[in-house]
Amino acid sequence: MHQRRSPEEIAANRARYEEHQKKGLNFAPKSLPGFSALPEPAVEDAQILHREVIPGGWYWSTKIRREETARISLSHGFSSLAMIAWASADTSERMNLPDTVKMQWTTGLSKGRVIFSDMGRVMFSITEDSSGAHDCLVGGSNAQTNSKYQGNLLRDTRDNFVKLTMKIGLDRRDIPAALTLFAPVRVDAEGRFFWNPALLNGADYVELRAEMDMIIGFSNCPHPLDPNPVYAPNPVTITRIAAQAVPHDDLCRTATAEAVRGFENNVAAAL
C-alpha cells in the first residue's frame, strides 16, 4: 500500500530537487533568446533539398543528413505535428524525451535547446522557433482520444506511426515517445495538463538542425488535448534545407554543460 508523504517530507524533497536544479542550470546562459520573428524568412531555392506538404491526418518519413535543417511550417493554418526519430547508422538509437527534459531541467523546448537520443547524443538543435508551444509530455493521439470526434476511420498518430515504422523496416516496439510540435500544452499549479492557445501566433514555424544522420517520422493528427470539437488538421509544410557551417560558439552547442557533453558524445561516436 502506498504511504502518503508528510508535508515535511514533500518540502525536503522539493528542496533537494531545487538544489540539484540550481547546480544543473549553473552553467546555462542567463537567458535564452526570444522567439523567432514572424513571418518566417524565405529560403533560397538553391538551399532547398526537398519540400513536402503533409495533408491533415497523414504521415510521412524522410532521411536527413547531419547539419541539414528541417523547417516545419504552419503555412496552411493551425495543426499539431507529432515527430519521432532514429539514428540512421543504428535505429536502436532513438529520440528520448525523458532524457531531453531531465538533462536540460525543462519541458520548455524552444530556440537554443537540444533534443537527445537514448545514447546521450544530441539528435537535434532547435535553431529557430516562433512559439515555444511544443509538447514533450502527453504524446500523440490514438483511437480512444479520437472517439470524441464524429466520423469514421479518422486517422490517429499511434496508428500512423505503426504504419510508418513498418514501411521503413522497423516494428511498433521501435516507436519512441513523440514530440508534438505546435501543441501548447502546459501544467497548472495542481499538476494538470491544459491547452493554452495564447502561446500560438498563427503561421508559426520551427527549425530543427540535424546533429547526426537520421530518419524522421511525422504524423499530422490533432493532439489529444486539442479542444476543437471538429477533426480538422490542416496541411503542414516541411522544408529540408542544405547544411551550413556551424559557428564554434553556436548557442545550442554551448548553452548547458549537458549539451556540451552530448556533442562530445557525438564526436566520440564518429571517430
C-alpha atoms as a PDB file:
ATOM      1  CA  MET A   1       0.000   0.000   0.000  1.00  0.00           C
ATOM      2  CA  HIS A   2       1.270   3.447  -0.947  1.00  0.00           C
ATOM      3  CA  GLN A   3       2.041   5.608   2.069  1.00  0.00           C
ATOM      4  CA  ARG A   4       1.332   9.322   1.809  1.00  0.00           C
ATOM      5  CA  ARG A   5       4.328  11.556   2.409  1.00  0.00           C
ATOM      6  CA  SER A   6       4.147  14.106   5.161  1.00  0.00           C
ATOM      7  CA  PRO A   7       4.316  17.838   4.331  1.00  0.00           C
ATOM      8  CA  GLU A   8       7.813  17.872   5.823  1.00  0.00           C
ATOM      9  CA  GLU A   9       8.984  15.060   3.511  1.00  0.00           C
ATOM     10  CA  ILE A  10       7.458  16.792   0.498  1.00  0.00           C
ATOM     11  CA  ALA A  11       9.179  20.049   1.403  1.00  0.00           C
ATOM     12  CA  ALA A  12      12.520  18.282   1.913  1.00  0.00           C
ATOM     13  CA  ASN A  13      12.225  16.511  -1.460  1.00  0.00           C
ATOM     14  CA  ARG A  14      11.372  19.805  -3.143  1.00  0.00           C
ATOM     15  CA  ALA A  15      14.391  21.483  -1.551  1.00  0.00           C
ATOM     16  CA  ARG A  16      16.697  18.689  -2.754  1.00  0.00           C
ATOM     17  CA  TYR A  17      15.268  18.931  -6.261  1.00  0.00           C
ATOM     18  CA  GLU A  18      15.702  22.701  -6.376  1.00  0.00           C
ATOM     19  CA  GLU A  19      19.293  22.381  -5.195  1.00  0.00           C
ATOM     20  CA  HIS A  20      20.071  19.841  -7.949  1.00  0.00           C
ATOM     21  CA  GLN A  21      18.301  22.044 -10.481  1.00  0.00           C
ATOM     22  CA  LYS A  22      20.329  25.060  -9.397  1.00  0.00           C
ATOM     23  CA  LYS A  23      23.560  23.132  -9.918  1.00  0.00           C
ATOM     24  CA  GLY A  24      22.341  21.819 -13.271  1.00  0.00           C
ATOM     25  CA  LEU A  25      21.446  25.289 -14.529  1.00  0.00           C
ATOM     26  CA  ASN A  26      24.544  26.975 -13.140  1.00  0.00           C
ATOM     27  CA  PHE A  27      26.366  26.590 -16.454  1.00  0.00           C
ATOM     28  CA  ALA A  28      23.408  27.774 -18.539  1.00  0.00           C
ATOM     29  CA  PRO A  29      23.243  31.234 -20.091  1.00  0.00           C
ATOM     30  CA  LYS A  30      21.343  33.808 -18.077  1.00  0.00           C
ATOM     31  CA  SER A  31      18.620  33.832 -20.710  1.00  0.00           C
ATOM     32  CA  LEU A  32      17.832  32.026 -23.922  1.00  0.00           C
ATOM     33  CA  PRO A  33      16.978  34.078 -27.000  1.00  0.00           C
ATOM     34  CA  GLY A  34      13.441  35.215 -27.626  1.00  0.00           C
ATOM     35  CA  PHE A  35      11.156  33.595 -30.151  1.00  0.00           C
ATOM     36  CA  SER A  36      11.957  33.815 -33.849  1.00  0.00           C
ATOM     37  CA  ALA A  37      10.281  36.648 -35.723  1.00  0.00           C
ATOM     38  CA  LEU A  38       7.286  36.156 -37.986  1.00  0.00           C
ATOM     39  CA  PRO A  39       6.711  35.814 -40.861  1.00  0.00           C
ATOM     40  CA  GLU A  40       9.210  33.038 -41.495  1.00  0.00           C
ATOM     41  CA  PRO A  41      12.084  34.147 -43.741  1.00  0.00           C
ATOM     42  CA  ALA A  42      12.292  32.932 -47.312  1.00  0.00           C
ATOM     43  CA  VAL A  43      14.727  30.147 -48.184  1.00  0.00           C
ATOM     44  CA  GLU A  44      16.802  30.447 -51.338  1.00  0.00           C
ATOM     45  CA  ASP A  45      15.826  27.876 -53.958  1.00  0.00           C
ATOM     46  CA  ALA A  46      19.410  26.615 -54.135  1.00  0.00           C
ATOM     47  CA  GLN A  47      19.258  25.731 -50.418  1.00  0.00           C
ATOM     48  CA  ILE A  48      16.046  23.683 -50.653  1.00  0.00           C
ATOM     49  CA  LEU A  49      16.743  19.956 -50.888  1.00  0.00           C
ATOM     50  CA  HIS A  50      13.106  18.887 -50.655  1.00  0.00           C
ATOM     51  CA  ARG A  51       9.734  20.297 -49.710  1.00  0.00           C
ATOM     52  CA  GLU A  52       6.823  18.142 -48.552  1.00  0.00           C
ATOM     53  CA  VAL A  53       3.283  19.083 -47.595  1.00  0.00           C
ATOM     54  CA  ILE A  54       1.739  16.525 -45.209  1.00  0.00           C
ATOM     55  CA  PRO A  55      -2.076  16.508 -45.525  1.00  0.00           C
ATOM     56  CA  GLY A  56      -4.198  16.538 -42.401  1.00  0.00           C
ATOM     57  CA  GLY A  57      -4.423  13.051 -40.909  1.00  0.00           C
ATOM     58  CA  TRP A  58      -1.454  11.655 -42.827  1.00  0.00           C
ATOM     59  CA  TYR A  59       2.132  10.713 -42.011  1.00  0.00           C
ATOM     60  CA  TRP A  60       5.498  10.930 -43.716  1.00  0.00           C
ATOM     61  CA  SER A  61       9.096   9.904 -43.093  1.00  0.00           C
ATOM     62  CA  THR A  62      12.363  11.153 -44.529  1.00  0.00           C
ATOM     63  CA  LYS A  63      16.100  10.859 -44.119  1.00  0.00           C
ATOM     64  CA  ILE A  64      18.088  13.890 -43.090  1.00  0.00           C
ATOM     65  CA  ARG A  65      21.834  14.369 -43.013  1.00  0.00           C
ATOM     66  CA  ARG A  66      23.974  15.920 -40.304  1.00  0.00           C
ATOM     67  CA  GLU A  67      23.855  19.747 -40.265  1.00  0.00           C
ATOM     68  CA  GLU A  68      20.893  19.882 -42.624  1.00  0.00           C
ATOM     69  CA  THR A  69      17.824  21.667 -41.263  1.00  0.00           C
ATOM     70  CA  ALA A  70      14.170  20.678 -41.247  1.00  0.00           C
ATOM     71  CA  ARG A  71      11.842  23.683 -41.194  1.00  0.00           C
ATOM     72  CA  ILE A  72       8.299  22.787 -40.108  1.00  0.00           C
ATOM     73  CA  SER A  73       5.786  25.486 -41.020  1.00  0.00           C
ATOM     74  CA  LEU A  74       2.113  26.114 -40.346  1.00  0.00           C
ATOM     75  CA  SER A  75       1.736  27.830 -43.708  1.00  0.00           C
ATOM     76  CA  HIS A  76      -1.742  26.351 -44.321  1.00  0.00           C
ATOM     77  CA  GLY A  77      -3.290  27.073 -40.929  1.00  0.00           C
ATOM     78  CA  PHE A  78      -3.047  25.514 -37.483  1.00  0.00           C
ATOM     79  CA  SER A  79      -2.125  21.876 -36.923  1.00  0.00           C
ATOM     80  CA  SER A  80      -0.132  19.893 -34.351  1.00  0.00           C
ATOM     81  CA  LEU A  81       2.586  17.669 -35.799  1.00  0.00           C
ATOM     82  CA  ALA A  82       3.952  14.679 -33.852  1.00  0.00           C
ATOM     83  CA  MET A  83       7.585  13.730 -34.519  1.00  0.00           C
ATOM     84  CA  ILE A  84       9.849  10.746 -33.777  1.00  0.00           C
ATOM     85  CA  ALA A  85      13.392   9.989 -34.947  1.00  0.00           C
ATOM     86  CA  TRP A  86      16.068   7.287 -35.172  1.00  0.00           C
ATOM     87  CA  ALA A  87      19.792   7.374 -35.921  1.00  0.00           C
ATOM     88  CA  SER A  88      20.366   6.143 -39.482  1.00  0.00           C
ATOM     89  CA  ALA A  89      23.514   4.213 -38.566  1.00  0.00           C
ATOM     90  CA  ASP A  90      21.753   2.233 -35.824  1.00  0.00           C
ATOM     91  CA  THR A  91      17.991   2.547 -35.459  1.00  0.00           C
ATOM     92  CA  SER A  92      18.151   1.141 -31.925  1.00  0.00           C
ATOM     93  CA  GLU A  93      19.293   4.662 -31.034  1.00  0.00           C
ATOM     94  CA  ARG A  94      16.240   6.875 -30.984  1.00  0.00           C
ATOM     95  CA  MET A  95      14.883  10.162 -29.712  1.00  0.00           C
ATOM     96  CA  ASN A  96      14.497  10.213 -25.931  1.00  0.00           C
ATOM     97  CA  LEU A  97      12.257  12.918 -24.483  1.00  0.00           C
ATOM     98  CA  PRO A  98      12.622  11.942 -20.795  1.00  0.00           C
ATOM     99  CA  ASP A  99      16.412  12.393 -21.046  1.00  0.00           C
ATOM    100  CA  THR A 100      15.930  15.584 -23.058  1.00  0.00           C
ATOM    101  CA  VAL A 101      13.804  17.064 -20.271  1.00  0.00           C
ATOM    102  CA  LYS A 102      15.910  15.709 -17.416  1.00  0.00           C
ATOM    103  CA  MET A 103      19.260  16.878 -18.759  1.00  0.00           C
ATOM    104  CA  GLN A 104      18.058  20.413 -19.537  1.00  0.00           C
ATOM    105  CA  TRP A 105      15.846  20.813 -16.450  1.00  0.00           C
ATOM    106  CA  THR A 106      12.902  21.959 -18.520  1.00  0.00           C
ATOM    107  CA  THR A 107       9.943  20.758 -20.550  1.00  0.00           C
ATOM    108  CA  GLY A 108      10.046  24.038 -22.476  1.00  0.00           C
ATOM    109  CA  LEU A 109      11.775  23.016 -25.681  1.00  0.00           C
ATOM    110  CA  SER A 110      12.401  26.124 -27.730  1.00  0.00           C
ATOM    111  CA  LYS A 111      15.127  28.059 -29.532  1.00  0.00           C
ATOM    112  CA  GLY A 112      18.523  27.290 -28.027  1.00  0.00           C
ATOM    113  CA  ARG A 113      17.584  23.853 -26.661  1.00  0.00           C
ATOM    114  CA  VAL A 114      18.563  20.429 -27.988  1.00  0.00           C
ATOM    115  CA  ILE A 115      16.890  17.033 -28.250  1.00  0.00           C
ATOM    116  CA  PHE A 116      18.828  13.994 -27.012  1.00  0.00           C
ATOM    117  CA  SER A 117      18.914  10.357 -28.048  1.00  0.00           C
ATOM    118  CA  ASP A 118      18.787   7.464 -25.597  1.00  0.00           C
ATOM    119  CA  MET A 119      22.564   7.116 -26.044  1.00  0.00           C
ATOM    120  CA  GLY A 120      23.286  10.567 -24.605  1.00  0.00           C
ATOM    121  CA  ARG A 121      23.962  12.111 -28.001  1.00  0.00           C
ATOM    122  CA  VAL A 122      22.352  15.194 -29.481  1.00  0.00           C
ATOM    123  CA  MET A 123      19.946  14.489 -32.342  1.00  0.00           C
ATOM    124  CA  PHE A 124      18.515  17.966 -32.986  1.00  0.00           C
ATOM    125  CA  SER A 125      19.285  21.575 -32.194  1.00  0.00           C
ATOM    126  CA  ILE A 126      16.308  23.933 -32.133  1.00  0.00           C
ATOM    127  CA  THR A 127      17.794  26.832 -34.072  1.00  0.00           C
ATOM    128  CA  GLU A 128      14.619  28.816 -34.797  1.00  0.00           C
ATOM    129  CA  ASP A 129      11.191  28.772 -33.156  1.00  0.00           C
ATOM    130  CA  SER A 130       8.384  31.307 -33.274  1.00  0.00           C
ATOM    131  CA  SER A 131       6.226  29.993 -30.419  1.00  0.00           C
ATOM    132  CA  GLY A 132       7.840  27.555 -27.981  1.00  0.00           C
ATOM    133  CA  ALA A 133       4.451  25.806 -27.934  1.00  0.00           C
ATOM    134  CA  HIS A 134       5.617  22.194 -28.135  1.00  0.00           C
ATOM    135  CA  ASP A 135       4.548  19.202 -26.052  1.00  0.00           C
ATOM    136  CA  CYS A 136       7.018  16.590 -24.819  1.00  0.00           C
ATOM    137  CA  LEU A 137       4.764  15.162 -22.076  1.00  0.00           C
ATOM    138  CA  VAL A 138       1.388  13.973 -23.350  1.00  0.00           C
ATOM    139  CA  GLY A 139       2.209  12.123 -26.565  1.00  0.00           C
ATOM    140  CA  GLY A 140       0.196  11.632 -29.739  1.00  0.00           C
ATOM    141  CA  SER A 141      -3.403  10.707 -30.421  1.00  0.00           C
ATOM    142  CA  ASN A 142      -4.879   7.215 -30.623  1.00  0.00           C
ATOM    143  CA  ALA A 143      -8.250   5.667 -31.441  1.00  0.00           C
ATOM    144  CA  GLN A 144      -9.553   6.385 -27.942  1.00  0.00           C
ATOM    145  CA  THR A 145      -8.654  10.077 -27.980  1.00  0.00           C
ATOM    146  CA  ASN A 146     -10.206  10.332 -31.456  1.00  0.00           C
ATOM    147  CA  SER A 147     -13.512   8.948 -30.145  1.00  0.00           C
ATOM    148  CA  LYS A 148     -14.621  12.490 -29.248  1.00  0.00           C
ATOM    149  CA  TYR A 149     -14.924  13.296 -32.949  1.00  0.00           C
ATOM    150  CA  GLN A 150     -17.805  12.379 -35.213  1.00  0.00           C
ATOM    151  CA  GLY A 151     -16.916  10.351 -38.273  1.00  0.00           C
ATOM    152  CA  ASN A 152     -15.419   7.007 -39.210  1.00  0.00           C
ATOM    153  CA  LEU A 153     -11.867   5.941 -39.951  1.00  0.00           C
ATOM    154  CA  LEU A 154     -10.266   9.078 -38.580  1.00  0.00           C
ATOM    155  CA  ARG A 155      -6.500   8.674 -38.587  1.00  0.00           C
ATOM    156  CA  ASP A 156      -4.539   8.924 -35.337  1.00  0.00           C
ATOM    157  CA  THR A 157      -0.858   9.263 -34.511  1.00  0.00           C
ATOM    158  CA  ARG A 158      -0.419   5.853 -32.908  1.00  0.00           C
ATOM    159  CA  ASP A 159      -1.704   4.025 -35.978  1.00  0.00           C
ATOM    160  CA  ASN A 160       0.205   6.364 -38.283  1.00  0.00           C
ATOM    161  CA  PHE A 161       3.476   5.639 -36.527  1.00  0.00           C
ATOM    162  CA  VAL A 162       2.849   1.890 -36.571  1.00  0.00           C
ATOM    163  CA  LYS A 163       2.321   2.055 -40.355  1.00  0.00           C
ATOM    164  CA  LEU A 164       5.329   4.333 -40.790  1.00  0.00           C
ATOM    165  CA  THR A 165       7.713   2.112 -38.847  1.00  0.00           C
ATOM    166  CA  MET A 166       6.578  -1.000 -40.712  1.00  0.00           C
ATOM    167  CA  LYS A 167       7.268   0.714 -44.034  1.00  0.00           C
ATOM    168  CA  ILE A 168      10.854   1.568 -43.073  1.00  0.00           C
ATOM    169  CA  GLY A 169      11.569  -1.928 -41.768  1.00  0.00           C
ATOM    170  CA  LEU A 170      11.064  -1.320 -38.057  1.00  0.00           C
ATOM    171  CA  ASP A 171       8.468  -2.544 -35.567  1.00  0.00           C
ATOM    172  CA  ARG A 172       5.982  -0.877 -33.229  1.00  0.00           C
ATOM    173  CA  ARG A 173       8.334  -1.561 -30.314  1.00  0.00           C
ATOM    174  CA  ASP A 174      10.823   0.779 -32.036  1.00  0.00           C
ATOM    175  CA  ILE A 175       8.483   3.767 -31.682  1.00  0.00           C
ATOM    176  CA  PRO A 176       9.814   6.261 -29.105  1.00  0.00           C
ATOM    177  CA  ALA A 177       7.798   8.853 -27.216  1.00  0.00           C
ATOM    178  CA  ALA A 178       6.683  11.550 -29.646  1.00  0.00           C
ATOM    179  CA  LEU A 179       7.375  15.268 -29.503  1.00  0.00           C
ATOM    180  CA  THR A 180       4.325  17.201 -30.706  1.00  0.00           C
ATOM    181  CA  LEU A 181       5.168  20.483 -32.366  1.00  0.00           C
ATOM    182  CA  PHE A 182       2.707  23.378 -32.123  1.00  0.00           C
ATOM    183  CA  ALA A 183       0.818  21.808 -29.220  1.00  0.00           C
ATOM    184  CA  PRO A 184       0.531  24.485 -26.479  1.00  0.00           C
ATOM    185  CA  VAL A 185       0.336  22.097 -23.528  1.00  0.00           C
ATOM    186  CA  ARG A 186       1.253  23.417 -20.098  1.00  0.00           C
ATOM    187  CA  VAL A 187       0.917  22.196 -16.493  1.00  0.00           C
ATOM    188  CA  ASP A 188      -1.120  24.119 -13.918  1.00  0.00           C
ATOM    189  CA  ALA A 189      -0.407  24.539 -10.208  1.00  0.00           C
ATOM    190  CA  GLU A 190      -2.275  21.301  -9.457  1.00  0.00           C
ATOM    191  CA  GLY A 191      -0.131  19.301 -11.888  1.00  0.00           C
ATOM    192  CA  ARG A 192      -2.847  19.010 -14.536  1.00  0.00           C
ATOM    193  CA  PHE A 193      -2.264  19.418 -18.250  1.00  0.00           C
ATOM    194  CA  PHE A 194      -4.090  22.214 -20.020  1.00  0.00           C
ATOM    195  CA  TRP A 195      -4.205  23.685 -23.535  1.00  0.00           C
ATOM    196  CA  ASN A 196      -3.048  27.305 -23.786  1.00  0.00           C
ATOM    197  CA  PRO A 197      -3.775  28.640 -27.305  1.00  0.00           C
ATOM    198  CA  ALA A 198      -2.405  32.077 -26.357  1.00  0.00           C
ATOM    199  CA  LEU A 199       1.087  30.628 -26.950  1.00  0.00           C
ATOM    200  CA  LEU A 200       0.403  30.248 -30.670  1.00  0.00           C
ATOM    201  CA  ASN A 201       0.942  33.042 -33.176  1.00  0.00           C
ATOM    202  CA  GLY A 202      -0.756  31.836 -36.361  1.00  0.00           C
ATOM    203  CA  ALA A 203       1.718  30.914 -39.102  1.00  0.00           C
ATOM    204  CA  ASP A 204       4.292  29.553 -36.646  1.00  0.00           C
ATOM    205  CA  TYR A 205       7.414  27.648 -37.635  1.00  0.00           C
ATOM    206  CA  VAL A 206      10.322  25.817 -36.059  1.00  0.00           C
ATOM    207  CA  GLU A 207      13.717  24.833 -37.453  1.00  0.00           C
ATOM    208  CA  LEU A 208      15.498  21.677 -36.286  1.00  0.00           C
ATOM    209  CA  ARG A 209      19.142  21.248 -37.250  1.00  0.00           C
ATOM    210  CA  ALA A 210      20.141  17.595 -37.519  1.00  0.00           C
ATOM    211  CA  GLU A 211      23.215  16.756 -35.434  1.00  0.00           C
ATOM    212  CA  MET A 212      23.566  13.256 -36.899  1.00  0.00           C
ATOM    213  CA  ASP A 213      22.248  11.340 -39.913  1.00  0.00           C
ATOM    214  CA  MET A 214      18.669  10.341 -39.066  1.00  0.00           C
ATOM    215  CA  ILE A 215      15.313   9.004 -40.142  1.00  0.00           C
ATOM    216  CA  ILE A 216      12.481  11.280 -39.030  1.00  0.00           C
ATOM    217  CA  GLY A 217       8.795  10.373 -38.874  1.00  0.00           C
ATOM    218  CA  PHE A 218       5.865  12.800 -38.715  1.00  0.00           C
ATOM    219  CA  SER A 219       2.141  12.402 -38.033  1.00  0.00           C
ATOM    220  CA  ASN A 220      -0.292  15.230 -38.748  1.00  0.00           C
ATOM    221  CA  CYS A 221      -3.225  14.464 -36.434  1.00  0.00           C
ATOM    222  CA  PRO A 222      -4.995  16.505 -33.731  1.00  0.00           C
ATOM    223  CA  HIS A 223      -3.325  16.475 -30.329  1.00  0.00           C
ATOM    224  CA  PRO A 224      -5.302  14.610 -27.609  1.00  0.00           C
ATOM    225  CA  LEU A 225      -5.859  17.858 -25.666  1.00  0.00           C
ATOM    226  CA  ASP A 226      -6.865  19.984 -28.663  1.00  0.00           C
ATOM    227  CA  PRO A 227     -10.268  21.403 -27.647  1.00  0.00           C
ATOM    228  CA  ASN A 228     -11.514  21.783 -31.223  1.00  0.00           C
ATOM    229  CA  PRO A 229     -14.630  19.533 -31.439  1.00  0.00           C
ATOM    230  CA  VAL A 230     -14.062  19.057 -35.172  1.00  0.00           C
ATOM    231  CA  TYR A 231     -11.365  16.770 -36.606  1.00  0.00           C
ATOM    232  CA  ALA A 232      -9.751  19.293 -38.940  1.00  0.00           C
ATOM    233  CA  PRO A 233      -5.934  19.195 -39.086  1.00  0.00           C
ATOM    234  CA  ASN A 234      -4.520  21.458 -41.799  1.00  0.00           C
ATOM    235  CA  PRO A 235      -1.614  20.531 -44.090  1.00  0.00           C
ATOM    236  CA  VAL A 236       1.870  21.113 -42.658  1.00  0.00           C
ATOM    237  CA  THR A 237       4.863  22.101 -44.791  1.00  0.00           C
ATOM    238  CA  ILE A 238       8.295  20.582 -44.165  1.00  0.00           C
ATOM    239  CA  THR A 239      11.315  22.034 -45.963  1.00  0.00           C
ATOM    240  CA  ARG A 240      14.651  20.240 -45.899  1.00  0.00           C
ATOM    241  CA  ILE A 241      17.431  22.841 -46.102  1.00  0.00           C
ATOM    242  CA  ALA A 242      21.029  22.183 -47.127  1.00  0.00           C
ATOM    243  CA  ALA A 243      23.745  22.002 -44.474  1.00  0.00           C
ATOM    244  CA  GLN A 244      25.524  25.185 -43.495  1.00  0.00           C
ATOM    245  CA  ALA A 245      28.666  25.790 -41.444  1.00  0.00           C
ATOM    246  CA  VAL A 246      28.006  25.932 -37.691  1.00  0.00           C
ATOM    247  CA  PRO A 247      29.960  28.583 -35.741  1.00  0.00           C
ATOM    248  CA  HIS A 248      32.120  27.388 -32.854  1.00  0.00           C
ATOM    249  CA  ASP A 249      30.082  29.437 -30.361  1.00  0.00           C
ATOM    250  CA  ASP A 250      26.705  28.181 -31.583  1.00  0.00           C
ATOM    251  CA  LEU A 251      24.217  28.655 -28.737  1.00  0.00           C
ATOM    252  CA  CYS A 252      22.673  25.183 -28.931  1.00  0.00           C
ATOM    253  CA  ARG A 253      26.097  23.563 -28.719  1.00  0.00           C
ATOM    254  CA  THR A 254      27.272  25.634 -25.761  1.00  0.00           C
ATOM    255  CA  ALA A 255      24.154  26.551 -23.739  1.00  0.00           C
ATOM    256  CA  THR A 256      24.473  23.926 -20.995  1.00  0.00           C
ATOM    257  CA  ALA A 257      27.055  21.517 -19.647  1.00  0.00           C
ATOM    258  CA  GLU A 258      24.730  18.658 -20.648  1.00  0.00           C
ATOM    259  CA  ALA A 259      24.572  19.888 -24.248  1.00  0.00           C
ATOM    260  CA  VAL A 260      28.357  20.203 -24.358  1.00  0.00           C
ATOM    261  CA  ARG A 261      28.708  16.606 -23.143  1.00  0.00           C
ATOM    262  CA  GLY A 262      26.099  15.459 -25.645  1.00  0.00           C
ATOM    263  CA  PHE A 263      28.047  16.967 -28.530  1.00  0.00           C
ATOM    264  CA  GLU A 264      31.261  15.457 -27.154  1.00  0.00           C
ATOM    265  CA  ASN A 265      29.475  12.091 -27.334  1.00  0.00           C
ATOM    266  CA  ASN A 266      28.533  12.839 -30.948  1.00  0.00           C
ATOM    267  CA  VAL A 267      32.180  13.480 -31.798  1.00  0.00           C
ATOM    268  CA  ALA A 268      33.386  10.370 -29.956  1.00  0.00           C
ATOM    269  CA  ALA A 269      30.883   8.155 -31.777  1.00  0.00           C
ATOM    270  CA  ALA A 270      32.084   9.475 -35.142  1.00  0.00           C
ATOM    271  CA  LEU A 271      35.749   8.586 -34.503  1.00  0.00           C
END
